[in-house]
PDB file of N, CA and C in Angstrom:
ATOM      1  N   MET A   1     424.571 160.118 244.729  1.00  0.00           N
ATOM      2  CA  MET A   1     423.850 158.898 244.386  1.00  0.00           C
ATOM      3  C   MET A   1     422.350 159.223 244.361  1.00  0.00           C
ATOM      4  N   ASP A   2     421.688 158.846 243.279  1.00  0.00           N
ATOM      5  CA  ASP A   2     420.251 159.100 243.241  1.00  0.00           C
ATOM      6  C   ASP A   2     419.496 157.984 243.957  1.00  0.00           C
ATOM      7  N   LYS A   3     418.201 158.137 244.068  1.00  0.00           N
ATOM      8  CA  LYS A   3     417.395 157.202 244.850  1.00  0.00           C
ATOM      9  C   LYS A   3     417.433 155.789 244.278  1.00  0.00           C
ATOM     10  N   LEU A   4     417.367 155.664 242.957  1.00  0.00           N
ATOM     11  CA  LEU A   4     417.386 154.332 242.357  1.00  0.00           C
ATOM     12  C   LEU A   4     418.748 153.666 242.573  1.00  0.00           C
ATOM     13  N   ASP A   5     419.827 154.420 242.414  1.00  0.00           N
ATOM     14  CA  ASP A   5     421.160 153.876 242.701  1.00  0.00           C
ATOM     15  C   ASP A   5     421.253 153.414 244.158  1.00  0.00           C
ATOM     16  N   GLU A   6     420.683 154.217 245.051  1.00  0.00           N
ATOM     17  CA  GLU A   6     420.721 153.870 246.474  1.00  0.00           C
ATOM     18  C   GLU A   6     419.931 152.592 246.752  1.00  0.00           C
ATOM     19  N   ILE A   7     418.776 152.450 246.133  1.00  0.00           N
ATOM     20  CA  ILE A   7     417.975 151.228 246.288  1.00  0.00           C
ATOM     21  C   ILE A   7     418.763 150.019 245.789  1.00  0.00           C
ATOM     22  N   PHE A   8     419.395 150.133 244.638  1.00  0.00           N
ATOM     23  CA  PHE A   8     420.192 149.031 244.102  1.00  0.00           C
ATOM     24  C   PHE A   8     421.341 148.677 245.040  1.00  0.00           C
ATOM     25  N   ALA A   9     422.028 149.685 245.572  1.00  0.00           N
ATOM     26  CA  ALA A   9     423.155 149.439 246.482  1.00  0.00           C
ATOM     27  C   ALA A   9     422.668 148.777 247.768  1.00  0.00           C
ATOM     28  N   MET A  10     421.565 149.255 248.302  1.00  0.00           N
ATOM     29  CA  MET A  10     421.025 148.663 249.528  1.00  0.00           C
ATOM     30  C   MET A  10     420.587 147.217 249.298  1.00  0.00           C
ATOM     31  N   GLN A  11     419.965 146.961 248.150  1.00  0.00           N
ATOM     32  CA  GLN A  11     419.518 145.592 247.869  1.00  0.00           C
ATOM     33  C   GLN A  11     420.707 144.669 247.667  1.00  0.00           C
ATOM     34  N   LYS A  12     421.748 145.149 246.989  1.00  0.00           N
ATOM     35  CA  LYS A  12     422.950 144.332 246.814  1.00  0.00           C
ATOM     36  C   LYS A  12     423.553 143.989 248.167  1.00  0.00           C
ATOM     37  N   SER A  13     423.597 144.957 249.063  1.00  0.00           N
ATOM     38  CA  SER A  13     424.130 144.729 250.402  1.00  0.00           C
ATOM     39  C   SER A  13     423.308 143.668 251.137  1.00  0.00           C
ATOM     40  N   LEU A  14     421.989 143.771 251.050  1.00  0.00           N
ATOM     41  CA  LEU A  14     421.129 142.774 251.696  1.00  0.00           C
ATOM     42  C   LEU A  14     421.311 141.402 251.059  1.00  0.00           C
ATOM     43  N   ASN A  15     421.331 141.342 249.741  1.00  0.00           N
ATOM     44  CA  ASN A  15     421.534 140.058 249.056  1.00  0.00           C
ATOM     45  C   ASN A  15     422.851 139.421 249.481  1.00  0.00           C
ATOM     46  N   ASP A  16     423.924 140.215 249.460  1.00  0.00           N
ATOM     47  CA  ASP A  16     425.243 139.700 249.844  1.00  0.00           C
ATOM     48  C   ASP A  16     425.235 139.190 251.281  1.00  0.00           C
ATOM     49  N   TYR A  17     424.588 139.930 252.167  1.00  0.00           N
ATOM     50  CA  TYR A  17     424.501 139.551 253.574  1.00  0.00           C
ATOM     51  C   TYR A  17     423.776 138.214 253.742  1.00  0.00           C
ATOM     52  N   ILE A  18     422.639 138.063 253.065  1.00  0.00           N
ATOM     53  CA  ILE A  18     421.858 136.825 253.153  1.00  0.00           C
ATOM     54  C   ILE A  18     422.645 135.661 252.569  1.00  0.00           C
ATOM     55  N   ILE A  19     423.266 135.870 251.417  1.00  0.00           N
ATOM     56  CA  ILE A  19     424.055 134.805 250.776  1.00  0.00           C
ATOM     57  C   ILE A  19     425.169 134.336 251.698  1.00  0.00           C
ATOM     58  N   GLU A  20     425.878 135.279 252.283  1.00  0.00           N
ATOM     59  CA  GLU A  20     427.002 134.934 253.164  1.00  0.00           C
ATOM     60  C   GLU A  20     426.526 134.250 254.439  1.00  0.00           C
ATOM     61  N   ASN A  21     425.533 134.824 255.102  1.00  0.00           N
ATOM     62  CA  ASN A  21     425.090 134.294 256.389  1.00  0.00           C
ATOM     63  C   ASN A  21     424.311 132.994 256.283  1.00  0.00           C
ATOM     64  N   ARG A  22     423.736 132.742 255.137  1.00  0.00           N
ATOM     65  CA  ARG A  22     422.997 131.493 254.946  1.00  0.00           C
ATOM     66  C   ARG A  22     423.761 130.507 254.062  1.00  0.00           C
ATOM     67  N   ASN A  23     424.986 130.890 253.689  1.00  0.00           N
ATOM     68  CA  ASN A  23     425.856 130.034 252.896  1.00  0.00           C
ATOM     69  C   ASN A  23     425.130 129.507 251.647  1.00  0.00           C
ATOM     70  N   LEU A  24     424.563 130.430 250.890  1.00  0.00           N
ATOM     71  CA  LEU A  24     423.797 130.072 249.698  1.00  0.00           C
ATOM     72  C   LEU A  24     424.681 130.145 248.465  1.00  0.00           C
ATOM     73  N   ARG A  25     424.576 129.142 247.628  1.00  0.00           N
ATOM     74  CA  ARG A  25     425.344 129.106 246.388  1.00  0.00           C
ATOM     75  C   ARG A  25     424.431 128.606 245.268  1.00  0.00           C
ATOM     76  N   PHE A  26     423.933 129.540 244.479  1.00  0.00           N
ATOM     77  CA  PHE A  26     423.088 129.192 243.345  1.00  0.00           C
ATOM     78  C   PHE A  26     423.672 129.821 242.093  1.00  0.00           C
ATOM     79  N   SER A  27     423.326 129.268 240.956  1.00  0.00           N
ATOM     80  CA  SER A  27     423.745 129.855 239.686  1.00  0.00           C
ATOM     81  C   SER A  27     422.917 131.109 239.412  1.00  0.00           C
ATOM     82  N   LYS A  28     423.383 131.901 238.465  1.00  0.00           N
ATOM     83  CA  LYS A  28     422.646 133.091 238.038  1.00  0.00           C
ATOM     84  C   LYS A  28     421.216 132.705 237.639  1.00  0.00           C
ATOM     85  N   GLU A  29     421.106 131.648 236.863  1.00  0.00           N
ATOM     86  CA  GLU A  29     419.799 131.171 236.411  1.00  0.00           C
ATOM     87  C   GLU A  29     418.899 130.825 237.597  1.00  0.00           C
ATOM     88  N   GLU A  30     419.454 130.122 238.583  1.00  0.00           N
ATOM     89  CA  GLU A  30     418.664 129.751 239.758  1.00  0.00           C
ATOM     90  C   GLU A  30     418.249 130.981 240.573  1.00  0.00           C
ATOM     91  N   TRP A  31     419.158 131.964 240.709  1.00  0.00           N
ATOM     92  CA  TRP A  31     418.814 133.181 241.447  1.00  0.00           C
ATOM     93  C   TRP A  31     417.670 133.913 240.762  1.00  0.00           C
ATOM     94  N   ILE A  32     417.719 133.990 239.443  1.00  0.00           N
ATOM     95  CA  ILE A  32     416.650 134.684 238.712  1.00  0.00           C
ATOM     96  C   ILE A  32     415.340 133.916 238.852  1.00  0.00           C
ATOM     97  N   GLN A  33     415.406 132.589 238.781  1.00  0.00           N
ATOM     98  CA  GLN A  33     414.199 131.776 238.986  1.00  0.00           C
ATOM     99  C   GLN A  33     413.625 131.994 240.386  1.00  0.00           C
ATOM    100  N   LYS A  34     414.471 131.911 241.398  1.00  0.00           N
ATOM    101  CA  LYS A  34     414.021 132.073 242.783  1.00  0.00           C
ATOM    102  C   LYS A  34     413.478 133.476 243.024  1.00  0.00           C
ATOM    103  N   GLY A  35     414.145 134.477 242.478  1.00  0.00           N
ATOM    104  CA  GLY A  35     413.667 135.842 242.622  1.00  0.00           C
ATOM    105  C   GLY A  35     412.327 136.047 241.939  1.00  0.00           C
ATOM    106  N   SER A  36     412.158 135.446 240.774  1.00  0.00           N
ATOM    107  CA  SER A  36     410.895 135.565 240.045  1.00  0.00           C
ATOM    108  C   SER A  36     409.757 134.903 240.816  1.00  0.00           C
ATOM    109  N   LEU A  37     410.020 133.736 241.382  1.00  0.00           N
ATOM    110  CA  LEU A  37     408.996 133.062 242.186  1.00  0.00           C
ATOM    111  C   LEU A  37     408.653 133.875 243.431  1.00  0.00           C
ATOM    112  N   ALA A  38     409.665 134.448 244.068  1.00  0.00           N
ATOM    113  CA  ALA A  38     409.417 135.286 245.247  1.00  0.00           C
ATOM    114  C   ALA A  38     408.609 136.521 244.861  1.00  0.00           C
ATOM    115  N   LEU A  39     408.906 137.094 243.700  1.00  0.00           N
ATOM    116  CA  LEU A  39     408.153 138.256 243.226  1.00  0.00           C
ATOM    117  C   LEU A  39     406.696 137.887 242.988  1.00  0.00           C
ATOM    118  N   ILE A  40     406.460 136.740 242.383  1.00  0.00           N
ATOM    119  CA  ILE A  40     405.087 136.260 242.173  1.00  0.00           C
ATOM    120  C   ILE A  40     404.374 136.117 243.511  1.00  0.00           C
ATOM    121  N   ASP A  41     405.076 135.579 244.507  1.00  0.00           N
ATOM    122  CA  ASP A  41     404.479 135.414 245.833  1.00  0.00           C
ATOM    123  C   ASP A  41     404.106 136.771 246.431  1.00  0.00           C
ATOM    124  N   GLU A  42     404.978 137.755 246.270  1.00  0.00           N
ATOM    125  CA  GLU A  42     404.687 139.094 246.796  1.00  0.00           C
ATOM    126  C   GLU A  42     403.516 139.733 246.057  1.00  0.00           C
ATOM    127  N   ILE A  43     403.407 139.488 244.763  1.00  0.00           N
ATOM    128  CA  ILE A  43     402.258 139.992 244.003  1.00  0.00           C
ATOM    129  C   ILE A  43     400.975 139.366 244.542  1.00  0.00           C
ATOM    130  N   THR A  44     401.029 138.069 244.849  1.00  0.00           N
ATOM    131  CA  THR A  44     399.879 137.384 245.422  1.00  0.00           C
ATOM    132  C   THR A  44     399.524 137.979 246.780  1.00  0.00           C
ATOM    133  N   GLU A  45     400.537 138.300 247.593  1.00  0.00           N
ATOM    134  CA  GLU A  45     400.274 138.916 248.884  1.00  0.00           C
ATOM    135  C   GLU A  45     399.609 140.285 248.702  1.00  0.00           C
ATOM    136  N   LEU A  46     400.033 141.036 247.693  1.00  0.00           N
ATOM    137  CA  LEU A  46     399.384 142.312 247.407  1.00  0.00           C
ATOM    138  C   LEU A  46     397.924 142.096 247.005  1.00  0.00           C
ATOM    139  N   LEU A  47     397.690 141.125 246.148  1.00  0.00           N
ATOM    140  CA  LEU A  47     396.316 140.821 245.738  1.00  0.00           C
ATOM    141  C   LEU A  47     395.445 140.466 246.946  1.00  0.00           C
ATOM    142  N   ASN A  48     396.001 139.710 247.879  1.00  0.00           N
ATOM    143  CA  ASN A  48     395.251 139.358 249.083  1.00  0.00           C
ATOM    144  C   ASN A  48     394.891 140.595 249.905  1.00  0.00           C
ATOM    145  N   GLU A  49     395.757 141.601 249.883  1.00  0.00           N
ATOM    146  CA  GLU A  49     395.488 142.842 250.634  1.00  0.00           C
ATOM    147  C   GLU A  49     394.356 143.660 250.015  1.00  0.00           C
ATOM    148  N   VAL A  50     394.098 143.470 248.728  1.00  0.00           N
ATOM    149  CA  VAL A  50     393.069 144.278 248.057  1.00  0.00           C
ATOM    150  C   VAL A  50     391.853 143.450 247.635  1.00  0.00           C
ATOM    151  N   ASN A  51     391.623 142.372 248.365  1.00  0.00           N
ATOM    152  CA  ASN A  51     390.373 141.599 248.240  1.00  0.00           C
ATOM    153  C   ASN A  51     390.082 141.098 246.825  1.00  0.00           C
ATOM    154  N   TYR A  52     391.076 140.466 246.198  1.00  0.00           N
ATOM    155  CA  TYR A  52     390.814 139.981 244.835  1.00  0.00           C
ATOM    156  C   TYR A  52     389.913 138.740 244.823  1.00  0.00           C
ATOM    157  N   LYS A  53     389.754 138.095 245.962  1.00  0.00           N
ATOM    158  CA  LYS A  53     388.916 136.885 246.016  1.00  0.00           C
ATOM    159  C   LYS A  53     387.446 137.296 246.122  1.00  0.00           C
ATOM    160  N   TRP A  54     386.792 137.334 244.991  1.00  0.00           N
ATOM    161  CA  TRP A  54     385.411 137.784 244.938  1.00  0.00           C
ATOM    162  C   TRP A  54     384.467 136.842 245.675  1.00  0.00           C
ATOM    163  N   TRP A  55     384.924 135.630 245.956  1.00  0.00           N
ATOM    164  CA  TRP A  55     384.089 134.640 246.619  1.00  0.00           C
ATOM    165  C   TRP A  55     384.167 134.753 248.147  1.00  0.00           C
ATOM    166  N   LYS A  56     384.963 135.703 248.651  1.00  0.00           N
ATOM    167  CA  LYS A  56     385.089 135.910 250.094  1.00  0.00           C
ATOM    168  C   LYS A  56     384.538 137.281 250.465  1.00  0.00           C
ATOM    169  N   ASN A  57     384.143 137.400 251.722  1.00  0.00           N
ATOM    170  CA  ASN A  57     383.734 138.712 252.219  1.00  0.00           C
ATOM    171  C   ASN A  57     384.950 139.613 252.281  1.00  0.00           C
ATOM    172  N   PRO A  58     384.842 140.826 251.745  1.00  0.00           N
ATOM    173  CA  PRO A  58     386.005 141.718 251.757  1.00  0.00           C
ATOM    174  C   PRO A  58     386.332 142.203 253.164  1.00  0.00           C
ATOM    175  N   LYS A  59     387.610 142.442 253.384  1.00  0.00           N
ATOM    176  CA  LYS A  59     388.084 143.021 254.640  1.00  0.00           C
ATOM    177  C   LYS A  59     388.485 144.464 254.365  1.00  0.00           C
ATOM    178  N   PRO A  60     388.565 145.264 255.385  1.00  0.00           N
ATOM    179  CA  PRO A  60     389.025 146.644 255.157  1.00  0.00           C
ATOM    180  C   PRO A  60     390.439 146.641 254.576  1.00  0.00           C
ATOM    181  N   ILE A  61     390.684 147.530 253.637  1.00  0.00           N
ATOM    182  CA  ILE A  61     391.997 147.604 252.996  1.00  0.00           C
ATOM    183  C   ILE A  61     392.907 148.508 253.820  1.00  0.00           C
ATOM    184  N   SER A  62     394.084 147.990 254.119  1.00  0.00           N
ATOM    185  CA  SER A  62     395.087 148.762 254.841  1.00  0.00           C
ATOM    186  C   SER A  62     396.051 149.375 253.823  1.00  0.00           C
ATOM    187  N   ASP A  63     396.015 150.686 253.699  1.00  0.00           N
ATOM    188  CA  ASP A  63     396.929 151.346 252.774  1.00  0.00           C
ATOM    189  C   ASP A  63     398.384 151.048 253.126  1.00  0.00           C
ATOM    190  N   HIS A  64     398.677 150.984 254.415  1.00  0.00           N
ATOM    191  CA  HIS A  64     400.048 150.701 254.853  1.00  0.00           C
ATOM    192  C   HIS A  64     400.478 149.298 254.406  1.00  0.00           C
ATOM    193  N   ALA A  65     399.613 148.304 254.597  1.00  0.00           N
ATOM    194  CA  ALA A  65     399.943 146.934 254.189  1.00  0.00           C
ATOM    195  C   ALA A  65     400.116 146.840 252.675  1.00  0.00           C
ATOM    196  N   VAL A  66     399.274 147.542 251.921  1.00  0.00           N
ATOM    197  CA  VAL A  66     399.387 147.560 250.463  1.00  0.00           C
ATOM    198  C   VAL A  66     400.751 148.111 250.062  1.00  0.00           C
ATOM    199  N   LYS A  67     401.143 149.221 250.674  1.00  0.00           N
ATOM    200  CA  LYS A  67     402.425 149.845 250.340  1.00  0.00           C
ATOM    201  C   LYS A  67     403.601 148.963 250.734  1.00  0.00           C
ATOM    202  N   GLU A  68     403.496 148.262 251.861  1.00  0.00           N
ATOM    203  CA  GLU A  68     404.566 147.342 252.254  1.00  0.00           C
ATOM    204  C   GLU A  68     404.719 146.206 251.251  1.00  0.00           C
ATOM    205  N   GLU A  69     403.613 145.682 250.748  1.00  0.00           N
ATOM    206  CA  GLU A  69     403.694 144.610 249.750  1.00  0.00           C
ATOM    207  C   GLU A  69     404.323 145.124 248.459  1.00  0.00           C
ATOM    208  N   ILE A  70     404.020 146.357 248.086  1.00  0.00           N
ATOM    209  CA  ILE A  70     404.635 146.941 246.894  1.00  0.00           C
ATOM    210  C   ILE A  70     406.146 147.061 247.088  1.00  0.00           C
ATOM    211  N   VAL A  71     406.568 147.470 248.273  1.00  0.00           N
ATOM    212  CA  VAL A  71     408.002 147.564 248.564  1.00  0.00           C
ATOM    213  C   VAL A  71     408.634 146.171 248.553  1.00  0.00           C
ATOM    214  N   ASP A  72     407.934 145.166 249.083  1.00  0.00           N
ATOM    215  CA  ASP A  72     408.451 143.792 249.016  1.00  0.00           C
ATOM    216  C   ASP A  72     408.646 143.365 247.563  1.00  0.00           C
ATOM    217  N   MET A  73     407.705 143.745 246.703  1.00  0.00           N
ATOM    218  CA  MET A  73     407.839 143.437 245.280  1.00  0.00           C
ATOM    219  C   MET A  73     409.084 144.113 244.706  1.00  0.00           C
ATOM    220  N   LEU A  74     409.313 145.363 245.115  1.00  0.00           N
ATOM    221  CA  LEU A  74     410.490 146.090 244.640  1.00  0.00           C
ATOM    222  C   LEU A  74     411.773 145.395 245.077  1.00  0.00           C
ATOM    223  N   HIS A  75     411.805 144.921 246.317  1.00  0.00           N
ATOM    224  CA  HIS A  75     412.993 144.193 246.798  1.00  0.00           C
ATOM    225  C   HIS A  75     413.352 143.051 245.847  1.00  0.00           C
ATOM    226  N   PHE A  76     412.374 142.237 245.519  1.00  0.00           N
ATOM    227  CA  PHE A  76     412.669 141.086 244.663  1.00  0.00           C
ATOM    228  C   PHE A  76     412.903 141.495 243.218  1.00  0.00           C
ATOM    229  N   PHE A  77     412.205 142.520 242.745  1.00  0.00           N
ATOM    230  CA  PHE A  77     412.453 143.004 241.390  1.00  0.00           C
ATOM    231  C   PHE A  77     413.891 143.492 241.252  1.00  0.00           C
ATOM    232  N   VAL A  78     414.347 144.289 242.205  1.00  0.00           N
ATOM    233  CA  VAL A  78     415.722 144.802 242.144  1.00  0.00           C
ATOM    234  C   VAL A  78     416.715 143.651 242.276  1.00  0.00           C
ATOM    235  N   SER A  79     416.415 142.670 243.118  1.00  0.00           N
ATOM    236  CA  SER A  79     417.295 141.496 243.219  1.00  0.00           C
ATOM    237  C   SER A  79     417.423 140.796 241.877  1.00  0.00           C
ATOM    238  N   ILE A  80     416.306 140.630 241.186  1.00  0.00           N
ATOM    239  CA  ILE A  80     416.339 139.994 239.863  1.00  0.00           C
ATOM    240  C   ILE A  80     417.213 140.820 238.918  1.00  0.00           C
ATOM    241  N   CYS A  81     417.057 142.137 238.955  1.00  0.00           N
ATOM    242  CA  CYS A  81     417.898 143.006 238.120  1.00  0.00           C
ATOM    243  C   CYS A  81     419.374 142.755 238.426  1.00  0.00           C
ATOM    244  N   LEU A  82     419.714 142.744 239.703  1.00  0.00           N
ATOM    245  CA  LEU A  82     421.107 142.557 240.106  1.00  0.00           C
ATOM    246  C   LEU A  82     421.644 141.201 239.653  1.00  0.00           C
ATOM    247  N   TYR A  83     420.860 140.155 239.855  1.00  0.00           N
ATOM    248  CA  TYR A  83     421.321 138.822 239.444  1.00  0.00           C
ATOM    249  C   TYR A  83     421.446 138.707 237.926  1.00  0.00           C
ATOM    250  N   ALA A  84     420.689 139.518 237.199  1.00  0.00           N
ATOM    251  CA  ALA A  84     420.778 139.530 235.736  1.00  0.00           C
ATOM    252  C   ALA A  84     421.927 140.419 235.255  1.00  0.00           C
ATOM    253  N   GLY A  85     422.611 141.063 236.211  1.00  0.00           N
ATOM    254  CA  GLY A  85     423.734 141.919 235.846  1.00  0.00           C
ATOM    255  C   GLY A  85     423.312 143.314 235.403  1.00  0.00           C
ATOM    256  N   MET A  86     422.139 143.746 235.819  1.00  0.00           N
ATOM    257  CA  MET A  86     421.619 145.043 235.404  1.00  0.00           C
ATOM    258  C   MET A  86     421.832 146.076 236.510  1.00  0.00           C
ATOM    259  N   SER A  87     422.382 147.203 236.138  1.00  0.00           N
ATOM    260  CA  SER A  87     422.575 148.304 237.087  1.00  0.00           C
ATOM    261  C   SER A  87     421.339 149.199 237.088  1.00  0.00           C
ATOM    262  N   ALA A  88     421.269 150.102 238.062  1.00  0.00           N
ATOM    263  CA  ALA A  88     420.183 151.070 238.104  1.00  0.00           C
ATOM    264  C   ALA A  88     420.196 151.932 236.840  1.00  0.00           C
ATOM    265  N   ASP A  89     421.375 152.320 236.402  1.00  0.00           N
ATOM    266  CA  ASP A  89     421.500 153.145 235.202  1.00  0.00           C
ATOM    267  C   ASP A  89     421.016 152.394 233.962  1.00  0.00           C
ATOM    268  N   GLU A  90     421.381 151.133 233.855  1.00  0.00           N
ATOM    269  CA  GLU A  90     420.939 150.339 232.703  1.00  0.00           C
ATOM    270  C   GLU A  90     419.425 150.133 232.739  1.00  0.00           C
ATOM    271  N   LEU A  91     418.877 149.871 233.917  1.00  0.00           N
ATOM    272  CA  LEU A  91     417.419 149.737 234.049  1.00  0.00           C
ATOM    273  C   LEU A  91     416.737 151.012 233.571  1.00  0.00           C
ATOM    274  N   TYR A  92     417.244 152.149 234.007  1.00  0.00           N
ATOM    275  CA  TYR A  92     416.677 153.436 233.619  1.00  0.00           C
ATOM    276  C   TYR A  92     416.730 153.616 232.098  1.00  0.00           C
ATOM    277  N   LYS A  93     417.876 153.359 231.509  1.00  0.00           N
ATOM    278  CA  LYS A  93     418.036 153.544 230.062  1.00  0.00           C
ATOM    279  C   LYS A  93     417.112 152.618 229.267  1.00  0.00           C
ATOM    280  N   ILE A  94     417.049 151.358 229.665  1.00  0.00           N
ATOM    281  CA  ILE A  94     416.177 150.407 228.959  1.00  0.00           C
ATOM    282  C   ILE A  94     414.715 150.794 229.149  1.00  0.00           C
ATOM    283  N   TYR A  95     414.383 151.257 230.359  1.00  0.00           N
ATOM    284  CA  TYR A  95     413.011 151.704 230.621  1.00  0.00           C
ATOM    285  C   TYR A  95     412.638 152.865 229.703  1.00  0.00           C
ATOM    286  N   ILE A  96     413.525 153.839 229.571  1.00  0.00           N
ATOM    287  CA  ILE A  96     413.261 155.005 228.717  1.00  0.00           C
ATOM    288  C   ILE A  96     412.988 154.549 227.285  1.00  0.00           C
ATOM    289  N   ASP A  97     413.835 153.656 226.769  1.00  0.00           N
ATOM    290  CA  ASP A  97     413.648 153.145 225.404  1.00  0.00           C
ATOM    291  C   ASP A  97     412.328 152.388 225.267  1.00  0.00           C
ATOM    292  N   LYS A  98     412.014 151.540 226.247  1.00  0.00           N
ATOM    293  CA  LYS A  98     410.800 150.729 226.183  1.00  0.00           C
ATOM    294  C   LYS A  98     409.558 151.599 226.320  1.00  0.00           C
ATOM    295  N   ASN A  99     409.625 152.638 227.151  1.00  0.00           N
ATOM    296  CA  ASN A  99     408.504 153.551 227.302  1.00  0.00           C
ATOM    297  C   ASN A  99     408.194 154.249 225.984  1.00  0.00           C
ATOM    298  N   LYS A 100     409.236 154.689 225.289  1.00  0.00           N
ATOM    299  CA  LYS A 100     409.046 155.316 223.979  1.00  0.00           C
ATOM    300  C   LYS A 100     408.410 154.327 223.010  1.00  0.00           C
ATOM    301  N   GLU A 101     408.919 153.087 222.996  1.00  0.00           N
ATOM    302  CA  GLU A 101     408.359 152.062 222.109  1.00  0.00           C
ATOM    303  C   GLU A 101     406.894 151.805 222.446  1.00  0.00           C
ATOM    304  N   ASN A 102     406.554 151.772 223.727  1.00  0.00           N
ATOM    305  CA  ASN A 102     405.159 151.533 224.110  1.00  0.00           C
ATOM    306  C   ASN A 102     404.250 152.662 223.630  1.00  0.00           C
ATOM    307  N   PHE A 103     404.721 153.909 223.710  1.00  0.00           N
ATOM    308  CA  PHE A 103     403.940 155.020 223.157  1.00  0.00           C
ATOM    309  C   PHE A 103     403.831 154.883 221.647  1.00  0.00           C
ATOM    310  N   ASP A 104     404.935 154.526 220.990  1.00  0.00           N
ATOM    311  CA  ASP A 104     404.897 154.331 219.538  1.00  0.00           C
ATOM    312  C   ASP A 104     403.883 153.254 219.165  1.00  0.00           C
ATOM    313  N   ARG A 105     403.835 152.185 219.935  1.00  0.00           N
ATOM    314  CA  ARG A 105     402.871 151.115 219.664  1.00  0.00           C
ATOM    315  C   ARG A 105     401.442 151.634 219.763  1.00  0.00           C
ATOM    316  N   GLN A 106     401.167 152.410 220.797  1.00  0.00           N
ATOM    317  CA  GLN A 106     399.815 152.920 220.997  1.00  0.00           C
ATOM    318  C   GLN A 106     399.432 153.966 219.959  1.00  0.00           C
ATOM    319  N   ASN A 107     400.428 154.583 219.368  1.00  0.00           N
ATOM    320  CA  ASN A 107     400.180 155.603 218.343  1.00  0.00           C
ATOM    321  C   ASN A 107     400.326 155.066 216.925  1.00  0.00           C
ATOM    322  N   GLY A 108     400.470 153.745 216.795  1.00  0.00           N
ATOM    323  CA  GLY A 108     400.570 153.130 215.476  1.00  0.00           C
ATOM    324  C   GLY A 108     401.872 153.412 214.761  1.00  0.00           C
ATOM    325  N   LYS A 109     402.926 153.759 215.499  1.00  0.00           N
ATOM    326  CA  LYS A 109     404.207 154.108 214.897  1.00  0.00           C
ATOM    327  C   LYS A 109     405.269 153.038 215.095  1.00  0.00           C
ATOM    328  N   SER A 110     404.918 151.927 215.725  1.00  0.00           N
ATOM    329  CA  SER A 110     405.892 150.874 216.003  1.00  0.00           C
ATOM    330  C   SER A 110     406.130 150.012 214.773  1.00  0.00           C
ATOM    331  N   GLN A 111     407.341 149.502 214.674  1.00  0.00           N
ATOM    332  CA  GLN A 111     407.664 148.569 213.595  1.00  0.00           C
ATOM    333  C   GLN A 111     407.179 147.160 213.938  1.00  0.00           C
ATOM    334  N   LYS A 112     406.827 146.936 215.192  1.00  0.00           N
ATOM    335  CA  LYS A 112     406.365 145.623 215.627  1.00  0.00           C
ATOM    336  C   LYS A 112     404.929 145.397 215.162  1.00  0.00           C
ATOM    337  N   GLU A 113     404.678 144.200 214.653  1.00  0.00           N
ATOM    338  CA  GLU A 113     403.343 143.881 214.139  1.00  0.00           C
ATOM    339  C   GLU A 113     402.322 143.789 215.258  1.00  0.00           C
ATOM    340  N   GLY A 114     401.075 144.090 214.918  1.00  0.00           N
ATOM    341  CA  GLY A 114     399.973 143.927 215.848  1.00  0.00           C
ATOM    342  C   GLY A 114     399.577 145.195 216.585  1.00  0.00           C
ATOM    343  N   TYR A 115     400.229 146.302 216.267  1.00  0.00           N
ATOM    344  CA  TYR A 115     399.932 147.544 216.970  1.00  0.00           C
ATOM    345  C   TYR A 115     399.411 148.642 216.048  1.00  0.00           C
ATOM    346  N   ALA A 116     399.161 148.320 214.810  1.00  0.00           N
ATOM    347  CA  ALA A 116     398.632 149.330 213.886  1.00  0.00           C
ATOM    348  C   ALA A 116     397.286 149.826 214.392  1.00  0.00           C
ATOM    349  N   LEU A 117     397.051 151.121 214.274  1.00  0.00           N
ATOM    350  CA  LEU A 117     395.783 151.687 214.725  1.00  0.00           C
ATOM    351  C   LEU A 117     394.687 151.302 213.744  1.00  0.00           C
ATOM    352  N   LYS A 118     393.535 150.966 214.304  1.00  0.00           N
ATOM    353  CA  LYS A 118     392.383 150.639 213.466  1.00  0.00           C
ATOM    354  C   LYS A 118     391.606 151.904 213.188  1.00  0.00           C
ATOM    355  N   ASP A 119     391.047 151.975 212.002  1.00  0.00           N
ATOM    356  CA  ASP A 119     390.219 153.130 211.631  1.00  0.00           C
ATOM    357  C   ASP A 119     388.915 153.056 212.413  1.00  0.00           C
ATOM    358  N   ASN A 120     388.600 154.064 213.203  1.00  0.00           N
ATOM    359  CA  ASN A 120     387.407 154.061 214.049  1.00  0.00           C
ATOM    360  C   ASN A 120     386.162 154.593 213.328  1.00  0.00           C
ATOM    361  N   LYS A 121     386.239 154.758 212.039  1.00  0.00           N
ATOM    362  CA  LYS A 121     385.096 155.310 211.280  1.00  0.00           C
ATOM    363  C   LYS A 121     384.138 154.242 210.886  1.00  0.00           C
TER     364      LYS A 121
END
C-alpha cells in the first residue's frame, strides 16, 4: 500500500468510526457540503496562523501549527474525496491528467478558451 492509499484507508476508518459513534446519517450531498465547509474552516485556521490580518499586529509563526493546519485540511479533503466515491488511485489519475492540462494551458496548447499565449513583442 502506498502512502496515499494508506491516508485514504485511515481517513475512511476515522470517518466510519465517527459516523457510527455519533450516529450520523447524511446524504452524499450533505457529506460533501459539510466536508467542504470544514475544509474552508481549516483553510481559515491556516490563514490565522500566518498573520493574514494586516490590520492586526503579527504574532510569531509556528511552523508546527502551520503544518498541523495543513494536515487538518488534508483530512477534510480526503473525506470529501471518499464521500464523492473517489479512490486514491482515481485521485492520482485525475490529478495527472489535470496537471498536464494545466501545463498545456500555460503553454498555449489547451483546447479550452482563454489560455492562448499573448505575443509579448
